[in-house]
Amino acid sequence: MGILVICSYRPHPGHEDEARALMQAHMPLLRQHGLITDRPVVQGVAKDGELVEIFEWESVEKSRGAPAIAEIGNHWKAMSAVMDFVPMAQLAECQHAFAHFTPV
């Protein structure tokens, strides 16, 4: 059984386009390495520009092993250079029972 995950990112000022491009490339990279399921990925943007993505890892073991894959570790490093990985609770939308985001 897979593991559903919701990720949220806050792009650094001036790096919004780069952050979106890296997020767009994230899922194909994870799929290429067989780490996520075929379940459709959902990506969105909050009113103030934070990004969210929802996807399903194949397993806990694969999620934990992902950083050991050089290409993925490098991608995550590039992501962290242009955006912060933030808890969803910090997003204004998540202060409501039904968080709304604009699809990407």
PDB file of N, CA and C in Angstrom:
ATOM      1  N   MET A   1       0.844  -1.181   0.000  1.00  0.00           N
ATOM      2  CA  MET A   1       0.000   0.000   0.000  1.00  0.00           C
ATOM      3  C   MET A   1       0.887   1.240   0.000  1.00  0.00           C
ATOM      4  N   GLY A   2       0.491   2.237  -0.774  1.00  0.00           N
ATOM      5  CA  GLY A   2       1.255   3.476  -0.876  1.00  0.00           C
ATOM      6  C   GLY A   2       1.053   4.404   0.308  1.00  0.00           C
ATOM      7  N   ILE A   3       1.792   5.488   0.272  1.00  0.00           N
ATOM      8  CA  ILE A   3       1.738   6.514   1.312  1.00  0.00           C
ATOM      9  C   ILE A   3       1.409   7.838   0.640  1.00  0.00           C
ATOM     10  N   LEU A   4       0.258   8.414   0.946  1.00  0.00           N
ATOM     11  CA  LEU A   4      -0.151   9.694   0.385  1.00  0.00           C
ATOM     12  C   LEU A   4       0.576  10.810   1.129  1.00  0.00           C
ATOM     13  N   VAL A   5       1.134  11.766   0.372  1.00  0.00           N
ATOM     14  CA  VAL A   5       1.879  12.865   0.979  1.00  0.00           C
ATOM     15  C   VAL A   5       1.425  14.181   0.368  1.00  0.00           C
ATOM     16  N   ILE A   6       1.365  15.206   1.212  1.00  0.00           N
ATOM     17  CA  ILE A   6       1.076  16.565   0.761  1.00  0.00           C
ATOM     18  C   ILE A   6       2.296  17.399   1.110  1.00  0.00           C
ATOM     19  N   CYS A   7       2.921  17.988   0.099  1.00  0.00           N
ATOM     20  CA  CYS A   7       4.111  18.817   0.294  1.00  0.00           C
ATOM     21  C   CYS A   7       3.746  20.270   0.062  1.00  0.00           C
ATOM     22  N   SER A   8       4.362  21.149   0.829  1.00  0.00           N
ATOM     23  CA  SER A   8       4.130  22.576   0.628  1.00  0.00           C
ATOM     24  C   SER A   8       5.464  23.306   0.620  1.00  0.00           C
ATOM     25  N   TYR A   9       5.558  24.260  -0.298  1.00  0.00           N
ATOM     26  CA  TYR A   9       6.803  24.972  -0.538  1.00  0.00           C
ATOM     27  C   TYR A   9       6.536  26.475  -0.599  1.00  0.00           C
ATOM     28  N   ARG A  10       7.463  27.260  -0.076  1.00  0.00           N
ATOM     29  CA  ARG A  10       7.380  28.716  -0.152  1.00  0.00           C
ATOM     30  C   ARG A  10       8.551  29.215  -1.007  1.00  0.00           C
ATOM     31  N   PRO A  11       8.266  29.623  -2.266  1.00  0.00           N
ATOM     32  CA  PRO A  11       9.348  30.116  -3.123  1.00  0.00           C
ATOM     33  C   PRO A  11      10.023  31.348  -2.522  1.00  0.00           C
ATOM     34  N   HIS A  12      11.333  31.427  -2.685  1.00  0.00           N
ATOM     35  CA  HIS A  12      12.065  32.609  -2.263  1.00  0.00           C
ATOM     36  C   HIS A  12      11.707  33.757  -3.201  1.00  0.00           C
ATOM     37  N   PRO A  13      11.663  34.987  -2.687  1.00  0.00           N
ATOM     38  CA  PRO A  13      11.343  36.133  -3.545  1.00  0.00           C
ATOM     39  C   PRO A  13      12.264  36.183  -4.772  1.00  0.00           C
ATOM     40  N   GLY A  14      11.650  36.388  -5.931  1.00  0.00           N
ATOM     41  CA  GLY A  14      12.403  36.459  -7.167  1.00  0.00           C
ATOM     42  C   GLY A  14      12.697  35.113  -7.808  1.00  0.00           C
ATOM     43  N   HIS A  15      12.302  34.012  -7.137  1.00  0.00           N
ATOM     44  CA  HIS A  15      12.582  32.667  -7.658  1.00  0.00           C
ATOM     45  C   HIS A  15      11.298  31.869  -7.915  1.00  0.00           C
ATOM     46  N   GLU A  16      10.186  32.569  -8.042  1.00  0.00           N
ATOM     47  CA  GLU A  16       8.905  31.889  -8.195  1.00  0.00           C
ATOM     48  C   GLU A  16       8.853  31.006  -9.450  1.00  0.00           C
ATOM     49  N   ASP A  17       9.321  31.521 -10.569  1.00  0.00           N
ATOM     50  CA  ASP A  17       9.271  30.731 -11.816  1.00  0.00           C
ATOM     51  C   ASP A  17      10.176  29.504 -11.723  1.00  0.00           C
ATOM     52  N   GLU A  18      11.358  29.678 -11.159  1.00  0.00           N
ATOM     53  CA  GLU A  18      12.276  28.552 -11.006  1.00  0.00           C
ATOM     54  C   GLU A  18      11.692  27.505 -10.061  1.00  0.00           C
ATOM     55  N   ALA A  19      11.045  27.968  -8.983  1.00  0.00           N
ATOM     56  CA  ALA A  19      10.423  27.047  -8.025  1.00  0.00           C
ATOM     57  C   ALA A  19       9.333  26.223  -8.708  1.00  0.00           C
ATOM     58  N   ARG A  20       8.508  26.889  -9.511  1.00  0.00           N
ATOM     59  CA  ARG A  20       7.442  26.160 -10.218  1.00  0.00           C
ATOM     60  C   ARG A  20       8.027  25.146 -11.201  1.00  0.00           C
ATOM     61  N   ALA A  21       9.075  25.535 -11.903  1.00  0.00           N
ATOM     62  CA  ALA A  21       9.701  24.620 -12.870  1.00  0.00           C
ATOM     63  C   ALA A  21      10.277  23.398 -12.163  1.00  0.00           C
ATOM     64  N   LEU A  22      10.909  23.614 -11.021  1.00  0.00           N
ATOM     65  CA  LEU A  22      11.468  22.486 -10.266  1.00  0.00           C
ATOM     66  C   LEU A  22      10.365  21.590  -9.730  1.00  0.00           C
ATOM     67  N   MET A  23       9.248  22.181  -9.279  1.00  0.00           N
ATOM     68  CA  MET A  23       8.134  21.374  -8.799  1.00  0.00           C
ATOM     69  C   MET A  23       7.557  20.556  -9.955  1.00  0.00           C
ATOM     70  N   GLN A  24       7.447  21.149 -11.144  1.00  0.00           N
ATOM     71  CA  GLN A  24       6.920  20.430 -12.302  1.00  0.00           C
ATOM     72  C   GLN A  24       7.802  19.235 -12.671  1.00  0.00           C
ATOM     73  N   ALA A  25       9.111  19.380 -12.485  1.00  0.00           N
ATOM     74  CA  ALA A  25      10.050  18.303 -12.834  1.00  0.00           C
ATOM     75  C   ALA A  25      10.167  17.245 -11.741  1.00  0.00           C
ATOM     76  N   HIS A  26       9.660  17.533 -10.558  1.00  0.00           N
ATOM     77  CA  HIS A  26       9.805  16.665  -9.389  1.00  0.00           C
ATOM     78  C   HIS A  26       9.143  15.296  -9.596  1.00  0.00           C
ATOM     79  N   MET A  27       7.881  15.279  -9.983  1.00  0.00           N
ATOM     80  CA  MET A  27       7.150  14.015 -10.096  1.00  0.00           C
ATOM     81  C   MET A  27       7.684  13.123 -11.209  1.00  0.00           C
ATOM     82  N   PRO A  28       7.973  13.671 -12.410  1.00  0.00           N
ATOM     83  CA  PRO A  28       8.562  12.787 -13.433  1.00  0.00           C
ATOM     84  C   PRO A  28       9.866  12.136 -12.965  1.00  0.00           C
ATOM     85  N   LEU A  29      10.652  12.863 -12.188  1.00  0.00           N
ATOM     86  CA  LEU A  29      11.905  12.312 -11.675  1.00  0.00           C
ATOM     87  C   LEU A  29      11.638  11.168 -10.690  1.00  0.00           C
ATOM     88  N   LEU A  30      10.700  11.370  -9.779  1.00  0.00           N
ATOM     89  CA  LEU A  30      10.360  10.310  -8.819  1.00  0.00           C
ATOM     90  C   LEU A  30       9.788   9.090  -9.544  1.00  0.00           C
ATOM     91  N   ARG A  31       8.975   9.328 -10.573  1.00  0.00           N
ATOM     92  CA  ARG A  31       8.401   8.218 -11.355  1.00  0.00           C
ATOM     93  C   ARG A  31       9.482   7.464 -12.114  1.00  0.00           C
ATOM     94  N   GLN A  32      10.431   8.195 -12.662  1.00  0.00           N
ATOM     95  CA  GLN A  32      11.532   7.584 -13.415  1.00  0.00           C
ATOM     96  C   GLN A  32      12.289   6.570 -12.559  1.00  0.00           C
ATOM     97  N   HIS A  33      12.364   6.848 -11.266  1.00  0.00           N
ATOM     98  CA  HIS A  33      13.084   5.960 -10.350  1.00  0.00           C
ATOM     99  C   HIS A  33      12.151   4.967  -9.649  1.00  0.00           C
ATOM    100  N   GLY A  34      10.892   4.909 -10.070  1.00  0.00           N
ATOM    101  CA  GLY A  34       9.949   3.928  -9.528  1.00  0.00           C
ATOM    102  C   GLY A  34       9.580   4.161  -8.075  1.00  0.00           C
ATOM    103  N   LEU A  35       9.585   5.416  -7.640  1.00  0.00           N
ATOM    104  CA  LEU A  35       9.349   5.716  -6.227  1.00  0.00           C
ATOM    105  C   LEU A  35       7.912   6.083  -5.905  1.00  0.00           C
ATOM    106  N   ILE A  36       7.153   6.505  -6.919  1.00  0.00           N
ATOM    107  CA  ILE A  36       5.763   6.891  -6.670  1.00  0.00           C
ATOM    108  C   ILE A  36       4.831   6.059  -7.545  1.00  0.00           C
ATOM    109  N   THR A  37       3.580   6.017  -7.132  1.00  0.00           N
ATOM    110  CA  THR A  37       2.580   5.224  -7.850  1.00  0.00           C
ATOM    111  C   THR A  37       2.117   5.963  -9.104  1.00  0.00           C
ATOM    112  N   ASP A  38       1.241   5.309  -9.843  1.00  0.00           N
ATOM    113  CA  ASP A  38       0.657   5.918 -11.034  1.00  0.00           C
ATOM    114  C   ASP A  38      -0.530   6.820 -10.711  1.00  0.00           C
ATOM    115  N   ARG A  39      -0.855   6.940  -9.437  1.00  0.00           N
ATOM    116  CA  ARG A  39      -1.959   7.824  -9.040  1.00  0.00           C
ATOM    117  C   ARG A  39      -1.673   9.225  -9.575  1.00  0.00           C
ATOM    118  N   PRO A  40      -2.670   9.895 -10.150  1.00  0.00           N
ATOM    119  CA  PRO A  40      -2.434  11.248 -10.660  1.00  0.00           C
ATOM    120  C   PRO A  40      -1.946  12.193  -9.554  1.00  0.00           C
ATOM    121  N   VAL A  41      -0.990  13.018  -9.915  1.00  0.00           N
ATOM    122  CA  VAL A  41      -0.428  14.014  -9.006  1.00  0.00           C
ATOM    123  C   VAL A  41      -1.276  15.276  -9.100  1.00  0.00           C
ATOM    124  N   VAL A  42      -1.458  15.933  -7.969  1.00  0.00           N
ATOM    125  CA  VAL A  42      -2.181  17.200  -7.937  1.00  0.00           C
ATOM    126  C   VAL A  42      -1.212  18.271  -7.459  1.00  0.00           C
ATOM    127  N   GLN A  43      -1.125  19.368  -8.213  1.00  0.00           N
ATOM    128  CA  GLN A  43      -0.275  20.491  -7.834  1.00  0.00           C
ATOM    129  C   GLN A  43      -1.123  21.748  -7.827  1.00  0.00           C
ATOM    130  N   GLY A  44      -0.791  22.659  -6.905  1.00  0.00           N
ATOM    131  CA  GLY A  44      -1.556  23.887  -6.803  1.00  0.00           C
ATOM    132  C   GLY A  44      -0.727  25.017  -6.247  1.00  0.00           C
ATOM    133  N   VAL A  45      -1.332  26.186  -6.244  1.00  0.00           N
ATOM    134  CA  VAL A  45      -0.680  27.380  -5.714  1.00  0.00           C
ATOM    135  C   VAL A  45      -1.660  28.116  -4.807  1.00  0.00           C
ATOM    136  N   ALA A  46      -1.143  28.603  -3.696  1.00  0.00           N
ATOM    137  CA  ALA A  46      -1.938  29.374  -2.743  1.00  0.00           C
ATOM    138  C   ALA A  46      -2.037  30.826  -3.211  1.00  0.00           C
ATOM    139  N   LYS A  47      -2.933  31.577  -2.609  1.00  0.00           N
ATOM    140  CA  LYS A  47      -3.117  32.977  -2.999  1.00  0.00           C
ATOM    141  C   LYS A  47      -1.844  33.794  -2.867  1.00  0.00           C
ATOM    142  N   ASP A  48      -1.004  33.469  -1.892  1.00  0.00           N
ATOM    143  CA  ASP A  48       0.225  34.247  -1.702  1.00  0.00           C
ATOM    144  C   ASP A  48       1.446  33.593  -2.350  1.00  0.00           C
ATOM    145  N   GLY A  49       1.214  32.587  -3.215  1.00  0.00           N
ATOM    146  CA  GLY A  49       2.294  32.027  -4.009  1.00  0.00           C
ATOM    147  C   GLY A  49       2.921  30.746  -3.509  1.00  0.00           C
ATOM    148  N   GLU A  50       2.530  30.258  -2.326  1.00  0.00           N
ATOM    149  CA  GLU A  50       3.064  28.979  -1.874  1.00  0.00           C
ATOM    150  C   GLU A  50       2.560  27.875  -2.793  1.00  0.00           C
ATOM    151  N   LEU A  51       3.365  26.857  -2.944  1.00  0.00           N
ATOM    152  CA  LEU A  51       3.055  25.743  -3.840  1.00  0.00           C
ATOM    153  C   LEU A  51       2.728  24.500  -3.026  1.00  0.00           C
ATOM    154  N   VAL A  52       1.839  23.685  -3.543  1.00  0.00           N
ATOM    155  CA  VAL A  52       1.519  22.404  -2.909  1.00  0.00           C
ATOM    156  C   VAL A  52       1.498  21.319  -3.974  1.00  0.00           C
ATOM    157  N   GLU A  53       1.865  20.118  -3.567  1.00  0.00           N
ATOM    158  CA  GLU A  53       1.718  18.963  -4.448  1.00  0.00           C
ATOM    159  C   GLU A  53       1.324  17.761  -3.600  1.00  0.00           C
ATOM    160  N   ILE A  54       0.470  16.948  -4.185  1.00  0.00           N
ATOM    161  CA  ILE A  54      -0.047  15.754  -3.516  1.00  0.00           C
ATOM    162  C   ILE A  54       0.274  14.569  -4.417  1.00  0.00           C
ATOM    163  N   PHE A  55       0.918  13.572  -3.818  1.00  0.00           N
ATOM    164  CA  PHE A  55       1.267  12.381  -4.590  1.00  0.00           C
ATOM    165  C   PHE A  55       1.353  11.190  -3.649  1.00  0.00           C
ATOM    166  N   GLU A  56       1.583  10.013  -4.240  1.00  0.00           N
ATOM    167  CA  GLU A  56       1.617   8.781  -3.456  1.00  0.00           C
ATOM    168  C   GLU A  56       2.947   8.057  -3.663  1.00  0.00           C
ATOM    169  N   TRP A  57       3.704   7.919  -2.569  1.00  0.00           N
ATOM    170  CA  TRP A  57       4.914   7.098  -2.586  1.00  0.00           C
ATOM    171  C   TRP A  57       4.497   5.642  -2.744  1.00  0.00           C
ATOM    172  N   GLU A  58       5.333   4.834  -3.384  1.00  0.00           N
ATOM    173  CA  GLU A  58       5.083   3.392  -3.488  1.00  0.00           C
ATOM    174  C   GLU A  58       5.080   2.740  -2.102  1.00  0.00           C
ATOM    175  N   SER A  59       5.971   3.210  -1.218  1.00  0.00           N
ATOM    176  CA  SER A  59       6.080   2.634   0.132  1.00  0.00           C
ATOM    177  C   SER A  59       6.880   3.582   1.016  1.00  0.00           C
ATOM    178  N   VAL A  60       6.813   3.336   2.310  1.00  0.00           N
ATOM    179  CA  VAL A  60       7.609   4.106   3.258  1.00  0.00           C
ATOM    180  C   VAL A  60       9.091   3.904   2.967  1.00  0.00           C
ATOM    181  N   GLU A  61       9.459   2.670   2.659  1.00  0.00           N
ATOM    182  CA  GLU A  61      10.865   2.367   2.387  1.00  0.00           C
ATOM    183  C   GLU A  61      11.391   3.163   1.186  1.00  0.00           C
ATOM    184  N   LYS A  62      10.576   3.244   0.141  1.00  0.00           N
ATOM    185  CA  LYS A  62      11.015   4.004  -1.037  1.00  0.00           C
ATOM    186  C   LYS A  62      11.111   5.490  -0.731  1.00  0.00           C
ATOM    187  N   SER A  63      10.212   6.012   0.088  1.00  0.00           N
ATOM    188  CA  SER A  63      10.283   7.434   0.446  1.00  0.00           C
ATOM    189  C   SER A  63      11.544   7.717   1.252  1.00  0.00           C
ATOM    190  N   ARG A  64      11.896   6.801   2.136  1.00  0.00           N
ATOM    191  CA  ARG A  64      13.092   6.992   2.962  1.00  0.00           C
ATOM    192  C   ARG A  64      14.383   6.803   2.173  1.00  0.00           C
ATOM    193  N   GLY A  65      14.329   5.960   1.140  1.00  0.00           N
ATOM    194  CA  GLY A  65      15.520   5.702   0.340  1.00  0.00           C
ATOM    195  C   GLY A  65      15.760   6.725  -0.762  1.00  0.00           C
ATOM    196  N   ALA A  66      14.775   7.552  -1.050  1.00  0.00           N
ATOM    197  CA  ALA A  66      14.893   8.514  -2.153  1.00  0.00           C
ATOM    198  C   ALA A  66      16.113   9.431  -2.045  1.00  0.00           C
ATOM    199  N   PRO A  67      16.440   9.970  -0.864  1.00  0.00           N
ATOM    200  CA  PRO A  67      17.593  10.880  -0.795  1.00  0.00           C
ATOM    201  C   PRO A  67      18.921  10.225  -1.168  1.00  0.00           C
ATOM    202  N   ALA A  68      18.996   8.914  -1.098  1.00  0.00           N
ATOM    203  CA  ALA A  68      20.236   8.215  -1.437  1.00  0.00           C
ATOM    204  C   ALA A  68      20.462   8.134  -2.947  1.00  0.00           C
ATOM    205  N   ILE A  69      19.436   8.430  -3.730  1.00  0.00           N
ATOM    206  CA  ILE A  69      19.567   8.446  -5.186  1.00  0.00           C
ATOM    207  C   ILE A  69      20.104   9.819  -5.565  1.00  0.00           C
ATOM    208  N   ALA A  70      21.292   9.842  -6.129  1.00  0.00           N
ATOM    209  CA  ALA A  70      22.001  11.112  -6.384  1.00  0.00           C
ATOM    210  C   ALA A  70      21.160  12.111  -7.159  1.00  0.00           C
ATOM    211  N   GLU A  71      20.498  11.669  -8.206  1.00  0.00           N
ATOM    212  CA  GLU A  71      19.717  12.592  -9.031  1.00  0.00           C
ATOM    213  C   GLU A  71      18.583  13.240  -8.233  1.00  0.00           C
ATOM    214  N   ILE A  72      17.972  12.463  -7.365  1.00  0.00           N
ATOM    215  CA  ILE A  72      16.881  13.010  -6.546  1.00  0.00           C
ATOM    216  C   ILE A  72      17.439  13.924  -5.469  1.00  0.00           C
ATOM    217  N   GLY A  73      18.506  13.501  -4.813  1.00  0.00           N
ATOM    218  CA  GLY A  73      19.137  14.361  -3.807  1.00  0.00           C
ATOM    219  C   GLY A  73      19.554  15.693  -4.397  1.00  0.00           C
ATOM    220  N   ASN A  74      20.088  15.668  -5.613  1.00  0.00           N
ATOM    221  CA  ASN A  74      20.489  16.909  -6.274  1.00  0.00           C
ATOM    222  C   ASN A  74      19.282  17.775  -6.612  1.00  0.00           C
ATOM    223  N   HIS A  75      18.193  17.139  -7.026  1.00  0.00           N
ATOM    224  CA  HIS A  75      16.979  17.898  -7.347  1.00  0.00           C
ATOM    225  C   HIS A  75      16.423  18.557  -6.087  1.00  0.00           C
ATOM    226  N   TRP A  76      16.392  17.814  -4.983  1.00  0.00           N
ATOM    227  CA  TRP A  76      15.893  18.385  -3.738  1.00  0.00           C
ATOM    228  C   TRP A  76      16.795  19.516  -3.256  1.00  0.00           C
ATOM    229  N   LYS A  77      18.091  19.389  -3.478  1.00  0.00           N
ATOM    230  CA  LYS A  77      19.019  20.458  -3.119  1.00  0.00           C
ATOM    231  C   LYS A  77      18.718  21.713  -3.954  1.00  0.00           C
ATOM    232  N   ALA A  78      18.475  21.521  -5.253  1.00  0.00           N
ATOM    233  CA  ALA A  78      18.121  22.648  -6.124  1.00  0.00           C
ATOM    234  C   ALA A  78      16.806  23.279  -5.678  1.00  0.00           C
ATOM    235  N   MET A  79      15.839  22.428  -5.290  1.00  0.00           N
ATOM    236  CA  MET A  79      14.565  22.957  -4.798  1.00  0.00           C
ATOM    237  C   MET A  79      14.782  23.800  -3.541  1.00  0.00           C
ATOM    238  N   SER A  80      15.591  23.293  -2.614  1.00  0.00           N
ATOM    239  CA  SER A  80      15.794  24.024  -1.353  1.00  0.00           C
ATOM    240  C   SER A  80      16.571  25.321  -1.544  1.00  0.00           C
ATOM    241  N   ALA A  81      17.261  25.473  -2.677  1.00  0.00           N
ATOM    242  CA  ALA A  81      17.981  26.717  -2.954  1.00  0.00           C
ATOM    243  C   ALA A  81      17.034  27.837  -3.362  1.00  0.00           C
ATOM    244  N   VAL A  82      15.833  27.491  -3.859  1.00  0.00           N
ATOM    245  CA  VAL A  82      14.906  28.514  -4.350  1.00  0.00           C
ATOM    246  C   VAL A  82      13.565  28.525  -3.616  1.00  0.00           C
ATOM    247  N   MET A  83      13.384  27.593  -2.680  1.00  0.00           N
ATOM    248  CA  MET A  83      12.132  27.560  -1.919  1.00  0.00           C
ATOM    249  C   MET A  83      12.363  26.884  -0.578  1.00  0.00           C
ATOM    250  N   ASP A  84      11.525  27.242   0.370  1.00  0.00           N
ATOM    251  CA  ASP A  84      11.553  26.586   1.680  1.00  0.00           C
ATOM    252  C   ASP A  84      10.492  25.506   1.697  1.00  0.00           C
ATOM    253  N   PHE A  85      10.803  24.393   2.352  1.00  0.00           N
ATOM    254  CA  PHE A  85       9.821  23.333   2.560  1.00  0.00           C
ATOM    255  C   PHE A  85       9.124  23.694   3.873  1.00  0.00           C
ATOM    256  N   VAL A  86       7.832  23.986   3.819  1.00  0.00           N
ATOM    257  CA  VAL A  86       7.130  24.503   4.985  1.00  0.00           C
ATOM    258  C   VAL A  86       6.001  23.570   5.411  1.00  0.00           C
ATOM    259  N   PRO A  87       5.709  23.524   6.709  1.00  0.00           N
ATOM    260  CA  PRO A  87       4.556  22.739   7.162  1.00  0.00           C
ATOM    261  C   PRO A  87       3.271  23.335   6.585  1.00  0.00           C
ATOM    262  N   MET A  88       2.354  22.492   6.198  1.00  0.00           N
ATOM    263  CA  MET A  88       1.087  22.979   5.641  1.00  0.00           C
ATOM    264  C   MET A  88       0.361  23.895   6.610  1.00  0.00           C
ATOM    265  N   ALA A  89       0.551  23.689   7.901  1.00  0.00           N
ATOM    266  CA  ALA A  89      -0.127  24.517   8.895  1.00  0.00           C
ATOM    267  C   ALA A  89       0.254  25.986   8.760  1.00  0.00           C
ATOM    268  N   GLN A  90       1.377  26.284   8.105  1.00  0.00           N
ATOM    269  CA  GLN A  90       1.794  27.677   7.927  1.00  0.00           C
ATOM    270  C   GLN A  90       1.086  28.355   6.755  1.00  0.00           C
ATOM    271  N   LEU A  91       0.403  27.606   5.916  1.00  0.00           N
ATOM    272  CA  LEU A  91      -0.299  28.195   4.782  1.00  0.00           C
ATOM    273  C   LEU A  91      -1.647  28.744   5.243  1.00  0.00           C
ATOM    274  N   ALA A  92      -1.944  29.962   4.836  1.00  0.00           N
ATOM    275  CA  ALA A  92      -3.192  30.613   5.250  1.00  0.00           C
ATOM    276  C   ALA A  92      -4.407  29.756   4.899  1.00  0.00           C
ATOM    277  N   GLU A  93      -4.375  29.118   3.730  1.00  0.00           N
ATOM    278  CA  GLU A  93      -5.500  28.292   3.295  1.00  0.00           C
ATOM    279  C   GLU A  93      -5.768  27.144   4.263  1.00  0.00           C
ATOM    280  N   CYS A  94      -4.743  26.671   4.931  1.00  0.00           N
ATOM    281  CA  CYS A  94      -4.883  25.519   5.817  1.00  0.00           C
ATOM    282  C   CYS A  94      -5.419  25.885   7.191  1.00  0.00           C
ATOM    283  N   GLN A  95      -5.768  27.135   7.371  1.00  0.00           N
ATOM    284  CA  GLN A  95      -6.384  27.561   8.619  1.00  0.00           C
ATOM    285  C   GLN A  95      -7.894  27.369   8.560  1.00  0.00           C
ATOM    286  N   HIS A  96      -8.385  26.832   7.457  1.00  0.00           N
ATOM    287  CA  HIS A  96      -9.805  26.589   7.236  1.00  0.00           C
ATOM    288  C   HIS A  96     -10.031  25.088   7.053  1.00  0.00           C
ATOM    289  N   ALA A  97     -11.230  24.655   7.349  1.00  0.00           N
ATOM    290  CA  ALA A  97     -11.538  23.226   7.231  1.00  0.00           C
ATOM    291  C   ALA A  97     -11.371  22.715   5.801  1.00  0.00           C
ATOM    292  N   PHE A  98     -11.617  23.572   4.832  1.00  0.00           N
ATOM    293  CA  PHE A  98     -11.507  23.181   3.429  1.00  0.00           C
ATOM    294  C   PHE A  98     -10.540  24.143   2.745  1.00  0.00           C
ATOM    295  N   ALA A  99      -9.299  23.721   2.622  1.00  0.00           N
ATOM    296  CA  ALA A  99      -8.252  24.562   2.035  1.00  0.00           C
ATOM    297  C   ALA A  99      -8.425  24.586   0.511  1.00  0.00           C
ATOM    298  N   HIS A 100      -8.456  25.790  -0.058  1.00  0.00           N
ATOM    299  CA  HIS A 100      -8.612  25.953  -1.499  1.00  0.00           C
ATOM    300  C   HIS A 100      -7.310  26.436  -2.117  1.00  0.00           C
ATOM    301  N   PHE A 101      -6.933  25.836  -3.250  1.00  0.00           N
ATOM    302  CA  PHE A 101      -5.727  26.216  -3.986  1.00  0.00           C
ATOM    303  C   PHE A 101      -6.087  26.304  -5.463  1.00  0.00           C
ATOM    304  N   THR A 102      -5.339  27.097  -6.201  1.00  0.00           N
ATOM    305  CA  THR A 102      -5.519  27.190  -7.641  1.00  0.00           C
ATOM    306  C   THR A 102      -4.702  26.075  -8.286  1.00  0.00           C
ATOM    307  N   PRO A 103      -5.307  25.261  -9.156  1.00  0.00           N
ATOM    308  CA  PRO A 103      -4.551  24.192  -9.813  1.00  0.00           C
ATOM    309  C   PRO A 103      -3.409  24.763 -10.657  1.00  0.00           C
ATOM    310  N   VAL A 104      -2.317  24.015 -10.715  1.00  0.00           N
ATOM    311  CA  VAL A 104      -1.182  24.404 -11.549  1.00  0.00           C
ATOM    312  C   VAL A 104      -1.242  23.602 -12.832  1.00  0.00           C
TER     313      VAL A 104
END
